N, C-alpha and C. Protein backbone atom coordinates (compact mmCIF):
# COMPACT_ATOMS: atom_id res chain seq x y z
N MET A 1 0.82 -1.20 0.00
CA MET A 1 0.00 0.00 0.00
C MET A 1 0.86 1.25 0.00
N ASP A 2 2.14 1.13 0.28
CA ASP A 2 3.01 2.28 0.39
C ASP A 2 3.90 2.38 -0.86
N PRO A 3 3.76 3.46 -1.64
CA PRO A 3 4.55 3.60 -2.87
C PRO A 3 6.07 3.53 -2.66
N GLU A 4 6.57 4.05 -1.53
CA GLU A 4 8.01 3.99 -1.28
C GLU A 4 8.49 2.56 -1.05
N VAL A 5 7.66 1.73 -0.43
CA VAL A 5 8.01 0.32 -0.26
C VAL A 5 8.04 -0.36 -1.63
N LEU A 6 7.03 -0.10 -2.46
CA LEU A 6 7.04 -0.64 -3.82
C LEU A 6 8.29 -0.20 -4.58
N GLN A 7 8.63 1.06 -4.46
CA GLN A 7 9.83 1.59 -5.12
C GLN A 7 11.07 0.81 -4.71
N THR A 8 11.20 0.56 -3.42
CA THR A 8 12.36 -0.16 -2.90
C THR A 8 12.36 -1.62 -3.35
N VAL A 9 11.25 -2.30 -3.16
CA VAL A 9 11.15 -3.72 -3.48
C VAL A 9 11.39 -3.96 -4.97
N LEU A 10 10.88 -3.07 -5.80
CA LEU A 10 10.96 -3.26 -7.25
C LEU A 10 12.12 -2.52 -7.89
N ASP A 11 12.92 -1.83 -7.07
CA ASP A 11 14.08 -1.08 -7.55
C ASP A 11 13.69 -0.09 -8.64
N LEU A 12 12.66 0.70 -8.37
CA LEU A 12 12.20 1.71 -9.30
C LEU A 12 12.90 3.04 -9.04
N SER A 13 13.03 3.87 -10.04
CA SER A 13 13.71 5.15 -9.88
C SER A 13 12.88 6.15 -9.09
N GLU A 14 11.57 5.97 -9.05
CA GLU A 14 10.69 6.86 -8.27
C GLU A 14 9.49 6.06 -7.78
N PRO A 15 8.80 6.57 -6.78
CA PRO A 15 7.62 5.86 -6.29
C PRO A 15 6.57 5.71 -7.40
N PRO A 16 5.94 4.54 -7.51
CA PRO A 16 4.94 4.35 -8.54
C PRO A 16 3.65 5.10 -8.23
N LYS A 17 2.89 5.39 -9.28
CA LYS A 17 1.58 6.02 -9.12
C LYS A 17 0.57 4.92 -8.75
N THR A 18 -0.10 5.10 -7.64
CA THR A 18 -1.07 4.11 -7.17
C THR A 18 -2.46 4.76 -7.17
N GLN A 19 -3.47 3.89 -7.06
CA GLN A 19 -4.85 4.35 -6.97
C GLN A 19 -5.53 3.61 -5.83
N SER A 20 -6.53 4.24 -5.26
CA SER A 20 -7.31 3.61 -4.19
C SER A 20 -8.46 2.83 -4.80
N GLY A 21 -8.75 1.70 -4.18
CA GLY A 21 -9.85 0.88 -4.65
C GLY A 21 -10.19 -0.19 -3.64
N SER A 22 -11.08 -1.08 -4.01
CA SER A 22 -11.50 -2.18 -3.14
C SER A 22 -11.69 -3.46 -3.94
N ILE A 23 -11.56 -4.57 -3.24
CA ILE A 23 -11.90 -5.87 -3.82
C ILE A 23 -13.00 -6.47 -2.95
N TYR A 24 -13.85 -7.27 -3.57
CA TYR A 24 -14.96 -7.90 -2.87
C TYR A 24 -14.76 -9.41 -2.86
N GLY A 25 -15.34 -10.06 -1.86
CA GLY A 25 -15.22 -11.52 -1.75
C GLY A 25 -14.03 -11.92 -0.90
N PHE A 26 -13.45 -10.94 -0.18
CA PHE A 26 -12.28 -11.18 0.68
C PHE A 26 -12.46 -10.37 1.96
N LYS A 27 -11.66 -10.73 2.97
CA LYS A 27 -11.56 -9.91 4.16
C LYS A 27 -10.10 -9.95 4.64
N VAL A 28 -9.76 -9.03 5.52
CA VAL A 28 -8.40 -8.96 6.05
C VAL A 28 -8.37 -9.63 7.42
N LYS A 29 -7.38 -10.47 7.59
CA LYS A 29 -7.02 -10.99 8.91
C LYS A 29 -5.58 -10.53 9.12
N MET A 30 -5.06 -10.70 10.30
CA MET A 30 -3.69 -10.27 10.57
C MET A 30 -2.81 -11.45 10.88
N TRP A 31 -1.61 -11.44 10.29
CA TRP A 31 -0.57 -12.42 10.54
C TRP A 31 0.56 -11.63 11.21
N GLY A 32 0.50 -11.53 12.51
CA GLY A 32 1.42 -10.64 13.21
C GLY A 32 1.11 -9.20 12.81
N ILE A 33 2.13 -8.49 12.29
CA ILE A 33 1.93 -7.10 11.87
C ILE A 33 1.48 -7.00 10.42
N TYR A 34 1.39 -8.14 9.72
CA TYR A 34 1.10 -8.13 8.30
C TYR A 34 -0.35 -8.49 8.00
N PRO A 35 -0.94 -7.80 7.03
CA PRO A 35 -2.30 -8.17 6.63
C PRO A 35 -2.29 -9.45 5.80
N ALA A 36 -3.32 -10.22 5.95
CA ALA A 36 -3.49 -11.45 5.18
C ALA A 36 -4.91 -11.45 4.63
N VAL A 37 -5.02 -11.34 3.33
CA VAL A 37 -6.33 -11.33 2.68
C VAL A 37 -6.79 -12.78 2.53
N VAL A 38 -8.00 -13.05 2.99
CA VAL A 38 -8.57 -14.40 2.90
C VAL A 38 -9.96 -14.30 2.26
N PRO A 39 -10.38 -15.36 1.56
CA PRO A 39 -11.71 -15.33 0.94
C PRO A 39 -12.82 -15.22 1.99
N GLN A 40 -13.81 -14.41 1.69
CA GLN A 40 -15.03 -14.33 2.49
C GLN A 40 -16.12 -13.80 1.57
N LYS A 41 -17.14 -14.58 1.40
CA LYS A 41 -18.18 -14.30 0.41
C LYS A 41 -18.69 -12.87 0.46
N GLU A 42 -19.00 -12.36 1.60
CA GLU A 42 -19.58 -11.02 1.72
C GLU A 42 -18.54 -9.96 2.07
N GLY A 43 -17.26 -10.26 1.97
CA GLY A 43 -16.23 -9.33 2.41
C GLY A 43 -15.89 -8.25 1.40
N LYS A 44 -15.25 -7.20 1.92
CA LYS A 44 -14.75 -6.09 1.13
C LYS A 44 -13.43 -5.65 1.74
N VAL A 45 -12.41 -5.49 0.90
CA VAL A 45 -11.10 -5.04 1.38
C VAL A 45 -10.70 -3.79 0.61
N PRO A 46 -10.59 -2.64 1.30
CA PRO A 46 -10.08 -1.44 0.65
C PRO A 46 -8.56 -1.53 0.58
N GLY A 47 -8.00 -0.91 -0.44
CA GLY A 47 -6.55 -0.96 -0.57
C GLY A 47 -6.03 -0.06 -1.65
N THR A 48 -4.83 -0.38 -2.10
CA THR A 48 -4.12 0.41 -3.09
C THR A 48 -3.81 -0.47 -4.28
N VAL A 49 -3.97 0.10 -5.47
CA VAL A 49 -3.77 -0.62 -6.71
C VAL A 49 -2.59 -0.03 -7.47
N TRP A 50 -1.81 -0.93 -8.03
CA TRP A 50 -0.70 -0.51 -8.90
C TRP A 50 -0.63 -1.53 -10.02
N ARG A 51 -0.44 -1.04 -11.23
CA ARG A 51 -0.37 -1.92 -12.41
C ARG A 51 1.08 -2.33 -12.65
N ILE A 52 1.35 -3.60 -12.52
CA ILE A 52 2.68 -4.16 -12.80
C ILE A 52 2.88 -4.13 -14.31
N SER A 53 4.09 -3.74 -14.74
CA SER A 53 4.31 -3.63 -16.19
C SER A 53 5.30 -4.65 -16.74
N THR A 54 5.99 -5.41 -15.87
CA THR A 54 6.94 -6.40 -16.38
C THR A 54 6.87 -7.68 -15.54
N ALA A 55 7.30 -8.77 -16.14
CA ALA A 55 7.36 -10.05 -15.43
C ALA A 55 8.37 -9.96 -14.28
N ASP A 56 9.45 -9.19 -14.46
CA ASP A 56 10.45 -9.03 -13.41
C ASP A 56 9.85 -8.33 -12.19
N GLN A 57 9.00 -7.35 -12.40
CA GLN A 57 8.34 -6.68 -11.27
C GLN A 57 7.45 -7.66 -10.51
N LEU A 58 6.73 -8.50 -11.23
CA LEU A 58 5.89 -9.50 -10.57
C LEU A 58 6.74 -10.49 -9.78
N ARG A 59 7.86 -10.90 -10.34
CA ARG A 59 8.77 -11.81 -9.65
C ARG A 59 9.29 -11.19 -8.35
N LYS A 60 9.75 -9.94 -8.43
CA LYS A 60 10.29 -9.26 -7.24
C LYS A 60 9.21 -9.08 -6.16
N LEU A 61 8.02 -8.72 -6.59
CA LEU A 61 6.95 -8.53 -5.62
C LEU A 61 6.56 -9.86 -4.99
N SER A 62 6.53 -10.92 -5.77
CA SER A 62 6.22 -12.25 -5.23
C SER A 62 7.29 -12.69 -4.23
N GLU A 63 8.55 -12.41 -4.51
CA GLU A 63 9.62 -12.75 -3.57
C GLU A 63 9.48 -11.95 -2.28
N TYR A 64 9.13 -10.69 -2.38
CA TYR A 64 8.94 -9.85 -1.20
C TYR A 64 7.79 -10.38 -0.35
N GLU A 65 6.72 -10.79 -1.00
CA GLU A 65 5.55 -11.29 -0.27
C GLU A 65 5.81 -12.66 0.36
N THR A 66 6.78 -13.38 -0.09
CA THR A 66 7.19 -14.70 0.42
C THR A 66 6.17 -15.78 0.08
N ALA A 67 6.51 -17.00 0.40
CA ALA A 67 5.64 -18.15 0.15
C ALA A 67 4.43 -18.18 1.07
N ALA A 68 4.38 -17.27 2.05
CA ALA A 68 3.21 -17.19 2.93
C ALA A 68 1.98 -16.69 2.18
N TYR A 69 2.21 -16.08 1.03
CA TYR A 69 1.12 -15.51 0.23
C TYR A 69 1.10 -16.14 -1.16
N THR A 70 -0.07 -16.14 -1.76
CA THR A 70 -0.24 -16.62 -3.12
C THR A 70 -1.09 -15.61 -3.88
N ARG A 71 -1.01 -15.62 -5.18
CA ARG A 71 -1.81 -14.68 -5.96
C ARG A 71 -3.23 -15.22 -6.14
N CYS A 72 -4.19 -14.35 -5.98
CA CYS A 72 -5.61 -14.68 -6.15
C CYS A 72 -6.22 -13.74 -7.18
N SER A 73 -7.08 -14.28 -8.00
CA SER A 73 -7.80 -13.46 -8.99
C SER A 73 -8.86 -12.62 -8.30
N CYS A 74 -9.07 -11.43 -8.83
CA CYS A 74 -10.08 -10.54 -8.28
C CYS A 74 -10.44 -9.48 -9.31
N GLU A 75 -11.48 -8.73 -9.02
CA GLU A 75 -11.80 -7.52 -9.75
C GLU A 75 -11.56 -6.38 -8.78
N VAL A 76 -10.96 -5.30 -9.27
CA VAL A 76 -10.69 -4.15 -8.44
C VAL A 76 -11.67 -3.04 -8.82
N TYR A 77 -12.34 -2.52 -7.81
CA TYR A 77 -13.28 -1.42 -8.00
C TYR A 77 -12.58 -0.14 -7.53
N LEU A 78 -12.08 0.63 -8.48
CA LEU A 78 -11.37 1.85 -8.15
C LEU A 78 -12.33 2.89 -7.57
N ASP A 79 -11.82 3.74 -6.71
CA ASP A 79 -12.64 4.80 -6.14
C ASP A 79 -13.17 5.73 -7.23
N SER A 80 -12.50 5.78 -8.37
CA SER A 80 -12.91 6.62 -9.51
C SER A 80 -14.15 6.06 -10.20
N GLY A 81 -14.53 4.80 -9.89
CA GLY A 81 -15.67 4.16 -10.53
C GLY A 81 -15.27 3.13 -11.57
N GLU A 82 -14.03 3.15 -11.99
CA GLU A 82 -13.54 2.17 -12.98
C GLU A 82 -13.40 0.79 -12.33
N VAL A 83 -13.69 -0.25 -13.10
CA VAL A 83 -13.52 -1.63 -12.61
C VAL A 83 -12.41 -2.28 -13.40
N LEU A 84 -11.43 -2.82 -12.70
CA LEU A 84 -10.31 -3.52 -13.35
C LEU A 84 -10.56 -5.02 -13.21
N GLY A 85 -11.07 -5.62 -14.27
CA GLY A 85 -11.27 -7.06 -14.28
C GLY A 85 -9.94 -7.77 -14.47
N ASP A 86 -9.93 -9.07 -14.30
CA ASP A 86 -8.73 -9.86 -14.53
C ASP A 86 -7.52 -9.32 -13.75
N SER A 87 -7.75 -8.97 -12.50
CA SER A 87 -6.68 -8.46 -11.64
C SER A 87 -6.26 -9.54 -10.66
N GLN A 88 -5.20 -9.25 -9.91
CA GLN A 88 -4.73 -10.18 -8.89
C GLN A 88 -4.35 -9.43 -7.63
N THR A 89 -4.46 -10.13 -6.52
CA THR A 89 -4.01 -9.62 -5.23
C THR A 89 -3.25 -10.74 -4.55
N PHE A 90 -2.49 -10.41 -3.54
CA PHE A 90 -1.79 -11.43 -2.77
C PHE A 90 -2.68 -11.85 -1.60
N CYS A 91 -2.96 -13.14 -1.52
CA CYS A 91 -3.81 -13.72 -0.47
C CYS A 91 -2.95 -14.60 0.43
N TRP A 92 -3.47 -14.85 1.60
CA TRP A 92 -2.84 -15.78 2.52
C TRP A 92 -2.70 -17.13 1.84
N GLY A 93 -1.51 -17.70 1.83
CA GLY A 93 -1.24 -18.95 1.15
C GLY A 93 -1.59 -20.19 1.93
N GLY A 94 -1.91 -20.03 3.19
CA GLY A 94 -2.23 -21.19 4.02
C GLY A 94 -3.72 -21.32 4.24
N ASP A 95 -4.08 -22.06 5.26
CA ASP A 95 -5.48 -22.27 5.61
C ASP A 95 -6.06 -20.95 6.14
N PRO A 96 -7.14 -20.46 5.53
CA PRO A 96 -7.73 -19.21 6.00
C PRO A 96 -8.26 -19.27 7.44
N LYS A 97 -8.41 -20.49 7.96
CA LYS A 97 -8.87 -20.66 9.35
C LYS A 97 -7.69 -20.93 10.28
N SER A 98 -6.48 -20.73 9.80
CA SER A 98 -5.28 -20.98 10.58
C SER A 98 -5.27 -20.20 11.88
N LYS A 99 -4.74 -20.82 12.93
CA LYS A 99 -4.61 -20.13 14.21
C LYS A 99 -3.51 -19.07 14.17
N GLU A 100 -2.72 -19.06 13.09
CA GLU A 100 -1.70 -18.02 12.91
C GLU A 100 -2.34 -16.67 12.60
N LEU A 101 -3.58 -16.69 12.13
CA LEU A 101 -4.28 -15.46 11.75
C LEU A 101 -5.21 -15.01 12.86
N GLU A 102 -5.30 -13.69 12.98
CA GLU A 102 -6.17 -13.09 13.99
C GLU A 102 -7.09 -12.09 13.31
N ASP A 103 -8.25 -11.86 13.91
CA ASP A 103 -9.12 -10.81 13.42
C ASP A 103 -8.42 -9.48 13.64
N GLY A 104 -8.66 -8.55 12.77
CA GLY A 104 -8.07 -7.23 12.91
C GLY A 104 -7.97 -6.54 11.56
N GLN A 105 -7.48 -5.33 11.58
CA GLN A 105 -7.31 -4.53 10.38
C GLN A 105 -5.88 -4.03 10.30
N PHE A 106 -5.37 -3.91 9.10
CA PHE A 106 -4.02 -3.39 8.88
C PHE A 106 -4.02 -1.88 9.14
N ASP A 107 -3.05 -1.42 9.91
CA ASP A 107 -2.90 -0.01 10.22
C ASP A 107 -1.68 0.51 9.47
N LEU A 108 -1.90 1.11 8.30
CA LEU A 108 -0.80 1.59 7.46
C LEU A 108 0.03 2.64 8.17
N VAL A 109 -0.59 3.54 8.91
CA VAL A 109 0.16 4.59 9.61
C VAL A 109 1.10 3.96 10.64
N ARG A 110 0.63 2.98 11.37
CA ARG A 110 1.47 2.28 12.36
C ARG A 110 2.64 1.57 11.66
N TYR A 111 2.32 0.89 10.56
CA TYR A 111 3.37 0.21 9.78
C TYR A 111 4.43 1.21 9.34
N GLN A 112 3.99 2.34 8.78
CA GLN A 112 4.94 3.34 8.30
C GLN A 112 5.78 3.91 9.43
N ARG A 113 5.19 4.09 10.58
CA ARG A 113 5.91 4.67 11.72
C ARG A 113 6.95 3.70 12.31
N TYR A 114 6.59 2.43 12.43
CA TYR A 114 7.44 1.50 13.16
C TYR A 114 8.19 0.46 12.33
N PHE A 115 7.72 0.15 11.15
CA PHE A 115 8.30 -0.98 10.41
C PHE A 115 8.82 -0.66 9.02
N LYS A 116 8.31 0.39 8.40
CA LYS A 116 8.66 0.73 7.02
C LYS A 116 10.16 0.91 6.83
N ASP A 117 10.82 1.56 7.76
CA ASP A 117 12.25 1.84 7.62
C ASP A 117 13.08 0.58 7.41
N SER A 118 12.64 -0.54 7.98
CA SER A 118 13.41 -1.79 7.82
C SER A 118 13.38 -2.27 6.37
N VAL A 119 12.39 -1.88 5.61
CA VAL A 119 12.31 -2.23 4.18
C VAL A 119 12.99 -1.17 3.34
N VAL A 120 12.64 0.09 3.54
CA VAL A 120 13.14 1.18 2.72
C VAL A 120 14.62 1.41 2.92
N ARG A 121 15.13 1.19 4.12
CA ARG A 121 16.56 1.38 4.42
C ARG A 121 17.42 0.47 3.57
N LYS A 122 16.92 -0.73 3.22
CA LYS A 122 17.69 -1.63 2.38
C LYS A 122 18.14 -0.98 1.09
N ARG A 123 17.30 -0.14 0.51
CA ARG A 123 17.63 0.55 -0.75
C ARG A 123 18.84 1.44 -0.55
N ASP A 124 18.93 2.11 0.59
CA ASP A 124 20.03 3.02 0.83
C ASP A 124 21.36 2.30 1.08
N THR A 125 21.30 1.06 1.57
CA THR A 125 22.52 0.35 1.92
C THR A 125 23.01 -0.57 0.82
N GLU A 126 22.22 -0.80 -0.21
CA GLU A 126 22.63 -1.71 -1.27
C GLU A 126 23.42 -0.99 -2.34
């Protein structure tokens, strides 16, 4: 959800342009400090959308997300009203009823305050 994290993970020259939107048929659970999207028939997950333009970007993003997550098909409903069919999001790769997951919501501001530097700092030291 954070353009600077995407910039670092994907080794982009500048933060990517993102858009706000939502996906339906999913809900957020928490895996420690990380959000884990899991299927839920009546669910809605607000988030940030970015269009990947190369296979290498998809590979890097998949590596960053680790094997704990898998790609799931979805439609993205942008806040602008546009619908992006044939889209993908990263979902929890394990059992959605796993005891590793807890109810809760991802707090982007908290993540940015306490954890973001551990990702973004890598760019400065490499």
